């Protein structure tokens, strides 16, 4: 029972965080820099609630700006066919384009998430990758058993996204072309291994 309650609370926190981000993104789209109070009002939450999820307005606005630019899965997969690898490579390419164009704000968002995580403030980030990867693999879902599918989504989440970019650039010192080649190899290998 306690686990179900935690799951319910966790989901509610994620929804609240998403509502705050969506409200901030909508206000930004109107062409003005909203205050945290305006964002809280638009999200129908208190200012204190907004501060629980974001340490300050700047952190929220950085992530909200990224939310606006985040690729829409329907557009990414339009005309992609059913091949799991090709669909996943499209997700990777779309995320990589976003990351390349927004490297500094993404690094700031990750740093903020690490600080909040160290304090135990959860959820610290929105999970945008998992739904995209699940949708990319949806036509091939029946070819994986449940445990392997779950592990595949987790493994692919390590390969696509800003954290992988940091490893490729800062740790491995790979250029963009080589990093893309390695990500492609990893995506192909992971999908083959899960089958």
N, C-alpha and C. Protein backbone atom coordinates (compact mmCIF):
# COMPACT_ATOMS: atom_id res chain seq x y z
N UNK A 1 0.82 -1.19 0.00
CA UNK A 1 0.00 0.00 0.00
C UNK A 1 0.87 1.26 0.00
N UNK A 2 1.91 1.27 0.83
CA UNK A 2 2.78 2.45 0.90
C UNK A 2 3.44 2.72 -0.45
N UNK A 3 3.84 1.63 -1.15
CA UNK A 3 4.47 1.81 -2.45
C UNK A 3 3.50 2.44 -3.45
N UNK A 4 2.26 1.99 -3.44
CA UNK A 4 1.25 2.57 -4.33
C UNK A 4 1.01 4.03 -4.00
N UNK A 5 0.99 4.36 -2.71
CA UNK A 5 0.80 5.75 -2.30
C UNK A 5 1.98 6.60 -2.77
N UNK A 6 3.20 6.06 -2.62
CA UNK A 6 4.38 6.80 -3.09
C UNK A 6 4.30 7.02 -4.59
N UNK A 7 3.88 5.98 -5.30
CA UNK A 7 3.77 6.10 -6.74
C UNK A 7 2.74 7.16 -7.11
N UNK A 8 1.61 7.15 -6.42
CA UNK A 8 0.58 8.16 -6.67
C UNK A 8 1.07 9.57 -6.37
N UNK A 9 1.76 9.74 -5.25
CA UNK A 9 2.31 11.06 -4.91
C UNK A 9 3.37 11.47 -5.93
N UNK A 10 4.20 10.53 -6.31
CA UNK A 10 5.24 10.83 -7.28
C UNK A 10 4.62 11.28 -8.60
N UNK A 11 3.59 10.57 -9.05
CA UNK A 11 2.93 10.95 -10.30
C UNK A 11 2.29 12.33 -10.18
N UNK A 12 1.68 12.60 -9.03
CA UNK A 12 1.07 13.91 -8.82
C UNK A 12 2.12 15.01 -8.85
N UNK A 13 3.28 14.76 -8.25
CA UNK A 13 4.36 15.76 -8.27
C UNK A 13 4.84 16.00 -9.70
N UNK A 14 4.95 14.94 -10.46
CA UNK A 14 5.37 15.09 -11.86
C UNK A 14 4.34 15.91 -12.64
N UNK A 15 3.06 15.63 -12.41
CA UNK A 15 2.01 16.39 -13.10
C UNK A 15 2.05 17.86 -12.70
N UNK A 16 2.24 18.11 -11.41
CA UNK A 16 2.31 19.50 -10.94
C UNK A 16 3.49 20.21 -11.58
N UNK A 17 4.64 19.55 -11.60
CA UNK A 17 5.83 20.13 -12.21
C UNK A 17 5.59 20.41 -13.69
N UNK A 18 4.96 19.46 -14.37
CA UNK A 18 4.65 19.64 -15.79
C UNK A 18 3.68 20.79 -16.00
N UNK A 19 2.70 20.93 -15.12
CA UNK A 19 1.74 22.04 -15.23
C UNK A 19 2.44 23.39 -15.08
N UNK A 20 3.38 23.46 -14.14
CA UNK A 20 4.14 24.71 -13.94
C UNK A 20 4.97 25.03 -15.18
N UNK A 21 5.65 24.01 -15.71
CA UNK A 21 6.45 24.21 -16.93
C UNK A 21 5.58 24.63 -18.10
N UNK A 22 4.44 23.98 -18.27
CA UNK A 22 3.55 24.31 -19.38
C UNK A 22 3.04 25.74 -19.26
N UNK A 23 2.69 26.16 -18.05
CA UNK A 23 2.23 27.54 -17.85
C UNK A 23 3.33 28.53 -18.18
N UNK A 24 4.55 28.25 -17.75
CA UNK A 24 5.68 29.14 -18.05
C UNK A 24 5.93 29.20 -19.55
N UNK A 25 5.87 28.04 -20.21
CA UNK A 25 6.09 28.00 -21.66
C UNK A 25 5.03 28.82 -22.39
N UNK A 26 3.78 28.69 -21.97
CA UNK A 26 2.70 29.47 -22.61
C UNK A 26 2.90 30.97 -22.42
N UNK A 27 3.30 31.36 -21.22
CA UNK A 27 3.55 32.79 -20.97
C UNK A 27 4.74 33.30 -21.79
N UNK A 28 5.78 32.48 -21.91
CA UNK A 28 6.93 32.87 -22.74
C UNK A 28 6.54 33.02 -24.20
N UNK A 29 5.67 32.14 -24.68
CA UNK A 29 5.23 32.21 -26.08
C UNK A 29 4.51 33.53 -26.38
N UNK A 30 3.95 34.14 -25.35
CA UNK A 30 3.25 35.42 -25.53
C UNK A 30 4.24 36.58 -25.62
N UNK A 31 5.54 36.27 -25.49
CA UNK A 31 6.56 37.28 -25.71
C UNK A 31 6.95 38.12 -24.52
N UNK A 32 6.67 37.63 -23.33
CA UNK A 32 7.11 38.41 -22.17
C UNK A 32 7.72 37.49 -21.13
N UNK A 33 8.59 38.06 -20.32
CA UNK A 33 9.30 37.28 -19.30
C UNK A 33 8.46 37.31 -18.02
N UNK A 34 7.77 36.21 -17.72
CA UNK A 34 6.88 36.21 -16.55
C UNK A 34 7.64 36.05 -15.24
N UNK A 35 7.04 36.55 -14.19
CA UNK A 35 7.59 36.34 -12.85
C UNK A 35 7.14 34.97 -12.36
N UNK A 36 7.76 34.49 -11.30
CA UNK A 36 7.35 33.21 -10.73
C UNK A 36 5.91 33.28 -10.24
N UNK A 37 5.51 34.44 -9.74
CA UNK A 37 4.13 34.61 -9.26
C UNK A 37 3.14 34.48 -10.42
N UNK A 38 3.46 35.09 -11.57
CA UNK A 38 2.58 34.98 -12.73
C UNK A 38 2.48 33.54 -13.22
N UNK A 39 3.62 32.86 -13.20
CA UNK A 39 3.63 31.46 -13.64
C UNK A 39 2.80 30.61 -12.69
N UNK A 40 2.98 30.80 -11.39
CA UNK A 40 2.20 30.05 -10.40
C UNK A 40 0.71 30.28 -10.60
N UNK A 41 0.32 31.54 -10.80
CA UNK A 41 -1.09 31.85 -11.04
C UNK A 41 -1.62 31.13 -12.28
N UNK A 42 -0.85 31.17 -13.35
CA UNK A 42 -1.28 30.52 -14.59
C UNK A 42 -1.37 29.00 -14.45
N UNK A 43 -0.51 28.43 -13.60
CA UNK A 43 -0.51 26.98 -13.37
C UNK A 43 -1.52 26.56 -12.30
N UNK A 44 -2.17 27.55 -11.69
CA UNK A 44 -3.15 27.29 -10.62
C UNK A 44 -2.52 26.61 -9.41
N UNK A 45 -1.30 27.07 -9.08
CA UNK A 45 -0.61 26.59 -7.87
C UNK A 45 -0.15 27.81 -7.08
N UNK A 46 0.21 27.58 -5.85
CA UNK A 46 0.72 28.69 -5.04
C UNK A 46 2.16 28.99 -5.43
N UNK A 47 2.62 30.17 -5.06
CA UNK A 47 4.01 30.54 -5.31
C UNK A 47 4.94 29.58 -4.56
N UNK A 48 4.54 29.19 -3.33
CA UNK A 48 5.35 28.25 -2.55
C UNK A 48 5.49 26.92 -3.27
N UNK A 49 4.41 26.47 -3.90
CA UNK A 49 4.47 25.21 -4.66
C UNK A 49 5.43 25.35 -5.82
N UNK A 50 5.37 26.46 -6.53
CA UNK A 50 6.28 26.67 -7.66
C UNK A 50 7.73 26.65 -7.18
N UNK A 51 8.00 27.26 -6.02
CA UNK A 51 9.37 27.26 -5.48
C UNK A 51 9.82 25.87 -5.04
N UNK A 52 8.89 24.99 -4.70
CA UNK A 52 9.27 23.62 -4.35
C UNK A 52 9.85 22.89 -5.54
N UNK A 53 9.38 23.25 -6.72
CA UNK A 53 9.81 22.56 -7.93
C UNK A 53 10.96 23.25 -8.65
N UNK A 54 11.08 24.55 -8.47
CA UNK A 54 12.13 25.32 -9.15
C UNK A 54 12.73 26.30 -8.16
N UNK A 55 14.06 26.35 -8.04
CA UNK A 55 14.68 27.19 -7.02
C UNK A 55 14.48 28.69 -7.24
N UNK A 56 14.27 29.07 -8.51
CA UNK A 56 14.06 30.49 -8.82
C UNK A 56 13.43 30.60 -10.21
N UNK A 57 13.01 31.80 -10.54
CA UNK A 57 12.35 32.02 -11.83
C UNK A 57 13.28 31.73 -12.99
N UNK A 58 14.56 32.06 -12.86
CA UNK A 58 15.50 31.82 -13.96
C UNK A 58 15.60 30.34 -14.30
N UNK A 59 15.71 29.49 -13.28
CA UNK A 59 15.79 28.05 -13.53
C UNK A 59 14.54 27.55 -14.24
N UNK A 60 13.40 28.05 -13.80
CA UNK A 60 12.13 27.66 -14.42
C UNK A 60 12.06 28.14 -15.87
N UNK A 61 12.47 29.37 -16.12
CA UNK A 61 12.37 29.92 -17.47
C UNK A 61 13.34 29.25 -18.43
N UNK A 62 14.51 28.85 -17.95
CA UNK A 62 15.45 28.10 -18.81
C UNK A 62 14.79 26.81 -19.26
N UNK A 63 14.22 26.08 -18.32
CA UNK A 63 13.60 24.81 -18.68
C UNK A 63 12.34 25.02 -19.52
N UNK A 64 11.58 26.07 -19.22
CA UNK A 64 10.37 26.35 -20.01
C UNK A 64 10.73 26.68 -21.46
N UNK A 65 11.81 27.42 -21.66
CA UNK A 65 12.25 27.73 -23.02
C UNK A 65 12.60 26.45 -23.77
N UNK A 66 13.23 25.52 -23.09
CA UNK A 66 13.55 24.23 -23.71
C UNK A 66 12.28 23.44 -23.98
N UNK A 67 11.32 23.54 -23.09
CA UNK A 67 10.03 22.86 -23.27
C UNK A 67 9.37 23.30 -24.57
N UNK A 68 9.46 24.59 -24.87
CA UNK A 68 8.87 25.12 -26.10
C UNK A 68 9.54 24.49 -27.32
N UNK A 69 10.86 24.35 -27.26
CA UNK A 69 11.62 23.85 -28.40
C UNK A 69 11.68 22.33 -28.47
N UNK A 70 11.24 21.64 -27.43
CA UNK A 70 11.37 20.19 -27.40
C UNK A 70 10.61 19.57 -28.58
N UNK A 71 11.24 18.64 -29.29
CA UNK A 71 10.60 18.07 -30.48
C UNK A 71 9.32 17.31 -30.13
N UNK A 72 8.33 17.44 -31.01
CA UNK A 72 7.06 16.73 -30.84
C UNK A 72 7.20 15.36 -31.50
N UNK A 73 6.87 14.32 -30.75
CA UNK A 73 7.10 12.96 -31.21
C UNK A 73 6.37 12.66 -32.52
N UNK A 74 5.16 13.18 -32.68
CA UNK A 74 4.42 12.95 -33.92
C UNK A 74 5.15 13.48 -35.14
N UNK A 75 5.76 14.64 -34.99
CA UNK A 75 6.52 15.24 -36.08
C UNK A 75 7.81 14.47 -36.33
N UNK A 76 8.46 14.04 -35.26
CA UNK A 76 9.72 13.31 -35.38
C UNK A 76 9.52 11.99 -36.12
N UNK A 77 8.43 11.29 -35.82
CA UNK A 77 8.21 9.95 -36.37
C UNK A 77 7.32 9.94 -37.62
N UNK A 78 6.88 11.11 -38.07
CA UNK A 78 6.01 11.16 -39.24
C UNK A 78 6.68 10.50 -40.44
N UNK A 79 6.01 9.51 -41.02
CA UNK A 79 6.52 8.79 -42.18
C UNK A 79 7.69 7.87 -41.90
N UNK A 80 7.92 7.53 -40.64
CA UNK A 80 9.10 6.75 -40.27
C UNK A 80 8.98 5.26 -40.53
N UNK A 81 7.79 4.76 -40.76
CA UNK A 81 7.64 3.32 -40.91
C UNK A 81 7.67 2.64 -39.55
N UNK A 82 7.89 1.33 -39.55
CA UNK A 82 7.81 0.54 -38.32
C UNK A 82 9.16 0.04 -37.80
N UNK A 83 10.25 0.30 -38.51
CA UNK A 83 11.55 -0.22 -38.10
C UNK A 83 12.01 0.43 -36.79
N UNK A 84 12.24 -0.41 -35.78
CA UNK A 84 12.59 0.10 -34.44
C UNK A 84 13.87 0.92 -34.45
N UNK A 85 14.87 0.45 -35.16
CA UNK A 85 16.15 1.17 -35.19
C UNK A 85 15.98 2.52 -35.87
N UNK A 86 15.34 2.54 -37.02
CA UNK A 86 15.17 3.80 -37.75
C UNK A 86 14.34 4.81 -36.96
N UNK A 87 13.30 4.33 -36.29
CA UNK A 87 12.47 5.23 -35.49
C UNK A 87 13.26 5.78 -34.30
N UNK A 88 14.06 4.93 -33.68
CA UNK A 88 14.87 5.37 -32.54
C UNK A 88 15.96 6.33 -32.99
N UNK A 89 16.53 6.09 -34.16
CA UNK A 89 17.53 7.02 -34.70
C UNK A 89 16.91 8.39 -34.99
N UNK A 90 15.66 8.41 -35.39
CA UNK A 90 14.99 9.70 -35.59
C UNK A 90 14.84 10.45 -34.27
N UNK A 91 14.47 9.73 -33.23
CA UNK A 91 14.38 10.36 -31.90
C UNK A 91 15.74 10.91 -31.51
N UNK A 92 16.78 10.10 -31.69
CA UNK A 92 18.13 10.54 -31.35
C UNK A 92 18.51 11.80 -32.14
N UNK A 93 18.23 11.81 -33.43
CA UNK A 93 18.59 12.97 -34.26
C UNK A 93 17.84 14.22 -33.80
N UNK A 94 16.56 14.07 -33.48
CA UNK A 94 15.78 15.23 -33.03
C UNK A 94 16.29 15.76 -31.70
N UNK A 95 16.58 14.85 -30.78
CA UNK A 95 17.10 15.28 -29.48
C UNK A 95 18.49 15.89 -29.63
N UNK A 96 19.31 15.30 -30.49
CA UNK A 96 20.65 15.83 -30.69
C UNK A 96 20.61 17.25 -31.26
N UNK A 97 19.69 17.50 -32.19
CA UNK A 97 19.56 18.86 -32.75
C UNK A 97 19.17 19.85 -31.65
N UNK A 98 18.23 19.46 -30.79
CA UNK A 98 17.84 20.33 -29.67
C UNK A 98 19.03 20.58 -28.75
N UNK A 99 19.76 19.53 -28.44
CA UNK A 99 20.91 19.64 -27.52
C UNK A 99 21.98 20.55 -28.12
N UNK A 100 22.29 20.35 -29.39
CA UNK A 100 23.32 21.14 -30.05
C UNK A 100 22.95 22.63 -30.04
N UNK A 101 21.69 22.93 -30.25
CA UNK A 101 21.24 24.32 -30.30
C UNK A 101 21.06 24.95 -28.92
N UNK A 102 21.00 24.13 -27.88
CA UNK A 102 20.70 24.63 -26.53
C UNK A 102 21.67 24.08 -25.49
N UNK A 103 22.92 23.91 -25.86
CA UNK A 103 23.88 23.27 -24.95
C UNK A 103 24.02 24.00 -23.62
N UNK A 104 24.19 25.30 -23.65
CA UNK A 104 24.40 26.04 -22.40
C UNK A 104 23.19 25.94 -21.47
N UNK A 105 21.96 26.23 -21.95
CA UNK A 105 20.82 26.08 -21.04
C UNK A 105 20.64 24.66 -20.52
N UNK A 106 20.94 23.67 -21.36
CA UNK A 106 20.81 22.28 -20.90
C UNK A 106 21.84 21.96 -19.82
N UNK A 107 23.04 22.46 -19.98
CA UNK A 107 24.05 22.25 -18.93
C UNK A 107 23.62 22.92 -17.63
N UNK A 108 23.05 24.12 -17.73
CA UNK A 108 22.56 24.81 -16.53
C UNK A 108 21.42 24.02 -15.89
N UNK A 109 20.53 23.48 -16.70
CA UNK A 109 19.41 22.70 -16.18
C UNK A 109 19.92 21.44 -15.47
N UNK A 110 20.90 20.78 -16.05
CA UNK A 110 21.46 19.58 -15.43
C UNK A 110 22.14 19.94 -14.11
N UNK A 111 22.90 21.03 -14.10
CA UNK A 111 23.56 21.46 -12.86
C UNK A 111 22.52 21.75 -11.78
N UNK A 112 21.45 22.43 -12.14
CA UNK A 112 20.39 22.73 -11.18
C UNK A 112 19.74 21.45 -10.68
N UNK A 113 19.50 20.50 -11.58
CA UNK A 113 18.90 19.23 -11.18
C UNK A 113 19.80 18.46 -10.23
N UNK A 114 21.10 18.49 -10.48
CA UNK A 114 22.04 17.80 -9.59
C UNK A 114 22.02 18.42 -8.20
N UNK A 115 21.98 19.75 -8.15
CA UNK A 115 21.92 20.43 -6.84
C UNK A 115 20.64 20.07 -6.10
N UNK A 116 19.51 20.10 -6.81
CA UNK A 116 18.23 19.78 -6.19
C UNK A 116 18.19 18.30 -5.77
N UNK A 117 18.75 17.44 -6.59
CA UNK A 117 18.80 16.02 -6.25
C UNK A 117 19.62 15.77 -5.00
N UNK A 118 20.71 16.50 -4.86
CA UNK A 118 21.56 16.35 -3.67
C UNK A 118 20.83 16.77 -2.40
N UNK A 119 19.88 17.69 -2.55
CA UNK A 119 19.08 18.12 -1.40
C UNK A 119 17.87 17.22 -1.17
N UNK A 120 17.63 16.30 -2.09
CA UNK A 120 16.48 15.41 -1.96
C UNK A 120 15.19 15.99 -2.48
N UNK A 121 15.27 17.09 -3.24
CA UNK A 121 14.08 17.71 -3.83
C UNK A 121 13.71 16.94 -5.09
N UNK A 122 12.63 16.19 -5.05
CA UNK A 122 12.22 15.40 -6.21
C UNK A 122 10.79 15.71 -6.58
N UNK A 123 10.41 15.54 -7.82
CA UNK A 123 11.23 15.17 -8.96
C UNK A 123 12.05 16.36 -9.44
N UNK A 124 13.28 16.09 -9.82
CA UNK A 124 14.17 17.18 -10.20
C UNK A 124 14.14 17.48 -11.69
N UNK A 125 13.67 16.53 -12.50
CA UNK A 125 13.63 16.74 -13.95
C UNK A 125 12.38 16.12 -14.53
N UNK A 126 12.03 16.64 -15.65
CA UNK A 126 10.91 16.09 -16.41
C UNK A 126 11.47 14.95 -17.26
N UNK A 127 10.80 13.82 -17.32
CA UNK A 127 11.26 12.71 -18.15
C UNK A 127 10.60 12.83 -19.51
N UNK A 128 11.33 13.38 -20.44
CA UNK A 128 10.80 13.54 -21.80
C UNK A 128 11.26 12.42 -22.72
N UNK A 129 12.39 11.81 -22.39
CA UNK A 129 12.95 10.78 -23.26
C UNK A 129 12.14 9.50 -23.27
N UNK A 130 11.74 9.03 -22.09
CA UNK A 130 11.06 7.74 -22.01
C UNK A 130 9.83 7.69 -22.92
N UNK A 131 8.92 8.67 -22.86
CA UNK A 131 7.77 8.59 -23.76
C UNK A 131 8.15 8.61 -25.24
N UNK A 132 9.19 9.37 -25.58
CA UNK A 132 9.62 9.40 -26.98
C UNK A 132 10.18 8.05 -27.41
N UNK A 133 11.00 7.45 -26.57
CA UNK A 133 11.57 6.15 -26.90
C UNK A 133 10.50 5.07 -26.95
N UNK A 134 9.57 5.11 -26.01
CA UNK A 134 8.47 4.13 -26.03
C UNK A 134 7.64 4.26 -27.30
N UNK A 135 7.38 5.48 -27.72
CA UNK A 135 6.62 5.69 -28.95
C UNK A 135 7.42 5.23 -30.17
N UNK A 136 8.71 5.49 -30.17
CA UNK A 136 9.55 5.04 -31.29
C UNK A 136 9.54 3.52 -31.42
N UNK A 137 9.52 2.83 -30.29
CA UNK A 137 9.56 1.37 -30.30
C UNK A 137 8.18 0.72 -30.32
N UNK A 138 7.13 1.51 -30.28
CA UNK A 138 5.76 0.97 -30.19
C UNK A 138 5.42 -0.06 -31.27
N UNK A 139 5.74 0.17 -32.54
CA UNK A 139 5.38 -0.84 -33.55
C UNK A 139 6.09 -2.18 -33.34
N UNK A 140 7.24 -2.17 -32.69
CA UNK A 140 8.00 -3.40 -32.46
C UNK A 140 7.82 -3.94 -31.05
N UNK A 141 6.94 -3.33 -30.27
CA UNK A 141 6.78 -3.66 -28.85
C UNK A 141 6.58 -5.15 -28.62
N UNK A 142 5.81 -5.82 -29.47
CA UNK A 142 5.51 -7.24 -29.29
C UNK A 142 6.75 -8.13 -29.48
N UNK A 143 7.80 -7.60 -30.08
CA UNK A 143 9.00 -8.42 -30.30
C UNK A 143 9.94 -8.43 -29.09
N UNK A 144 9.57 -7.73 -28.01
CA UNK A 144 10.36 -7.69 -26.78
C UNK A 144 9.53 -8.23 -25.63
N UNK A 145 10.16 -8.98 -24.72
CA UNK A 145 9.40 -9.32 -23.51
C UNK A 145 9.43 -8.09 -22.60
N UNK A 146 8.54 -8.08 -21.62
CA UNK A 146 8.35 -6.88 -20.80
C UNK A 146 9.63 -6.43 -20.10
N UNK A 147 10.37 -7.36 -19.52
CA UNK A 147 11.59 -7.00 -18.78
C UNK A 147 12.65 -6.44 -19.73
N UNK A 148 12.80 -7.08 -20.90
CA UNK A 148 13.79 -6.60 -21.86
C UNK A 148 13.40 -5.23 -22.43
N UNK A 149 12.10 -5.01 -22.64
CA UNK A 149 11.64 -3.71 -23.14
C UNK A 149 11.96 -2.61 -22.13
N UNK A 150 11.68 -2.89 -20.87
CA UNK A 150 11.96 -1.91 -19.81
C UNK A 150 13.47 -1.61 -19.75
N UNK A 151 14.29 -2.66 -19.81
CA UNK A 151 15.74 -2.48 -19.78
C UNK A 151 16.22 -1.73 -21.03
N UNK A 152 15.61 -2.02 -22.18
CA UNK A 152 15.99 -1.35 -23.42
C UNK A 152 15.71 0.15 -23.34
N UNK A 153 14.54 0.51 -22.84
CA UNK A 153 14.20 1.93 -22.70
C UNK A 153 15.21 2.61 -21.76
N UNK A 154 15.54 1.95 -20.66
CA UNK A 154 16.51 2.52 -19.71
C UNK A 154 17.88 2.68 -20.37
N UNK A 155 18.32 1.66 -21.09
CA UNK A 155 19.64 1.73 -21.73
C UNK A 155 19.68 2.80 -22.82
N UNK A 156 18.62 2.87 -23.63
CA UNK A 156 18.58 3.90 -24.67
C UNK A 156 18.55 5.30 -24.07
N UNK A 157 17.94 5.43 -22.90
CA UNK A 157 17.90 6.73 -22.23
C UNK A 157 19.29 7.22 -21.83
N UNK A 158 20.21 6.29 -21.65
CA UNK A 158 21.59 6.66 -21.35
C UNK A 158 22.34 7.13 -22.59
N UNK A 159 21.88 6.70 -23.75
CA UNK A 159 22.58 6.97 -25.00
C UNK A 159 22.13 8.27 -25.65
N UNK A 160 20.83 8.58 -25.55
CA UNK A 160 20.30 9.80 -26.16
C UNK A 160 20.03 10.81 -25.06
N UNK A 161 20.35 12.04 -25.31
CA UNK A 161 20.09 13.08 -24.32
C UNK A 161 21.32 13.88 -23.97
N UNK A 162 21.13 14.93 -23.18
CA UNK A 162 22.23 15.85 -22.89
C UNK A 162 23.35 15.24 -22.05
N UNK A 163 23.03 14.28 -21.21
CA UNK A 163 24.09 13.66 -20.40
C UNK A 163 25.08 12.93 -21.29
N UNK A 164 24.57 12.25 -22.32
CA UNK A 164 25.46 11.56 -23.26
C UNK A 164 26.34 12.57 -24.00
N UNK A 165 25.76 13.73 -24.36
CA UNK A 165 26.54 14.77 -25.02
C UNK A 165 27.70 15.21 -24.14
N UNK A 166 27.44 15.37 -22.86
CA UNK A 166 28.49 15.79 -21.93
C UNK A 166 29.61 14.75 -21.89
N UNK A 167 29.25 13.48 -21.85
CA UNK A 167 30.26 12.42 -21.84
C UNK A 167 31.05 12.43 -23.15
N UNK A 168 30.35 12.50 -24.27
CA UNK A 168 31.05 12.49 -25.56
C UNK A 168 32.01 13.68 -25.69
N UNK A 169 31.58 14.86 -25.29
CA UNK A 169 32.41 16.06 -25.45
C UNK A 169 33.46 16.20 -24.36
N UNK A 170 33.01 16.15 -23.11
CA UNK A 170 33.89 16.51 -22.00
C UNK A 170 34.80 15.36 -21.56
N UNK A 171 34.29 14.15 -21.62
CA UNK A 171 35.06 13.01 -21.13
C UNK A 171 35.82 12.34 -22.27
N UNK A 172 35.10 11.96 -23.32
CA UNK A 172 35.72 11.23 -24.42
C UNK A 172 36.35 12.13 -25.48
N UNK A 173 35.99 13.41 -25.47
CA UNK A 173 36.51 14.40 -26.41
C UNK A 173 36.28 13.99 -27.87
N UNK A 174 35.06 13.50 -28.14
CA UNK A 174 34.69 13.11 -29.50
C UNK A 174 34.02 14.29 -30.20
N UNK A 175 34.27 14.41 -31.50
CA UNK A 175 33.56 15.44 -32.25
C UNK A 175 32.14 14.96 -32.53
N UNK A 176 31.33 15.84 -33.08
CA UNK A 176 29.92 15.55 -33.31
C UNK A 176 29.71 14.33 -34.20
N UNK A 177 30.48 14.24 -35.28
CA UNK A 177 30.31 13.13 -36.22
C UNK A 177 30.64 11.79 -35.56
N UNK A 178 31.71 11.74 -34.80
CA UNK A 178 32.09 10.49 -34.14
C UNK A 178 31.09 10.14 -33.05
N UNK A 179 30.62 11.13 -32.30
CA UNK A 179 29.61 10.87 -31.27
C UNK A 179 28.33 10.32 -31.89
N UNK A 180 27.94 10.86 -33.03
CA UNK A 180 26.74 10.37 -33.72
C UNK A 180 26.94 8.93 -34.16
N UNK A 181 28.12 8.62 -34.67
CA UNK A 181 28.42 7.24 -35.09
C UNK A 181 28.33 6.29 -33.91
N UNK A 182 28.89 6.68 -32.77
CA UNK A 182 28.86 5.83 -31.58
C UNK A 182 27.43 5.66 -31.07
N UNK A 183 26.65 6.74 -31.06
CA UNK A 183 25.25 6.63 -30.62
C UNK A 183 24.48 5.69 -31.53
N UNK A 184 24.69 5.80 -32.83
CA UNK A 184 24.00 4.91 -33.78
C UNK A 184 24.38 3.46 -33.51
N UNK A 185 25.67 3.21 -33.33
CA UNK A 185 26.13 1.85 -33.04
C UNK A 185 25.47 1.33 -31.77
N UNK A 186 25.43 2.15 -30.73
CA UNK A 186 24.84 1.74 -29.46
C UNK A 186 23.34 1.46 -29.60
N UNK A 187 22.63 2.31 -30.33
CA UNK A 187 21.19 2.11 -30.53
C UNK A 187 20.95 0.79 -31.26
N UNK A 188 21.69 0.55 -32.33
CA UNK A 188 21.53 -0.70 -33.08
C UNK A 188 21.85 -1.91 -32.21
N UNK A 189 22.94 -1.83 -31.45
CA UNK A 189 23.36 -2.95 -30.61
C UNK A 189 22.36 -3.22 -29.49
N UNK A 190 21.86 -2.18 -28.87
CA UNK A 190 20.91 -2.35 -27.76
C UNK A 190 19.60 -2.96 -28.24
N UNK A 191 19.10 -2.48 -29.36
CA UNK A 191 17.84 -3.03 -29.88
C UNK A 191 18.03 -4.49 -30.28
N UNK A 192 19.14 -4.80 -30.94
CA UNK A 192 19.41 -6.20 -31.31
C UNK A 192 19.54 -7.08 -30.08
N UNK A 193 20.22 -6.60 -29.06
CA UNK A 193 20.41 -7.40 -27.84
C UNK A 193 19.10 -7.65 -27.10
N UNK A 194 18.19 -6.69 -27.15
CA UNK A 194 16.91 -6.84 -26.44
C UNK A 194 15.98 -7.84 -27.12
N UNK A 195 16.20 -8.08 -28.37
CA UNK A 195 15.34 -9.03 -29.11
C UNK A 195 15.82 -10.42 -28.81
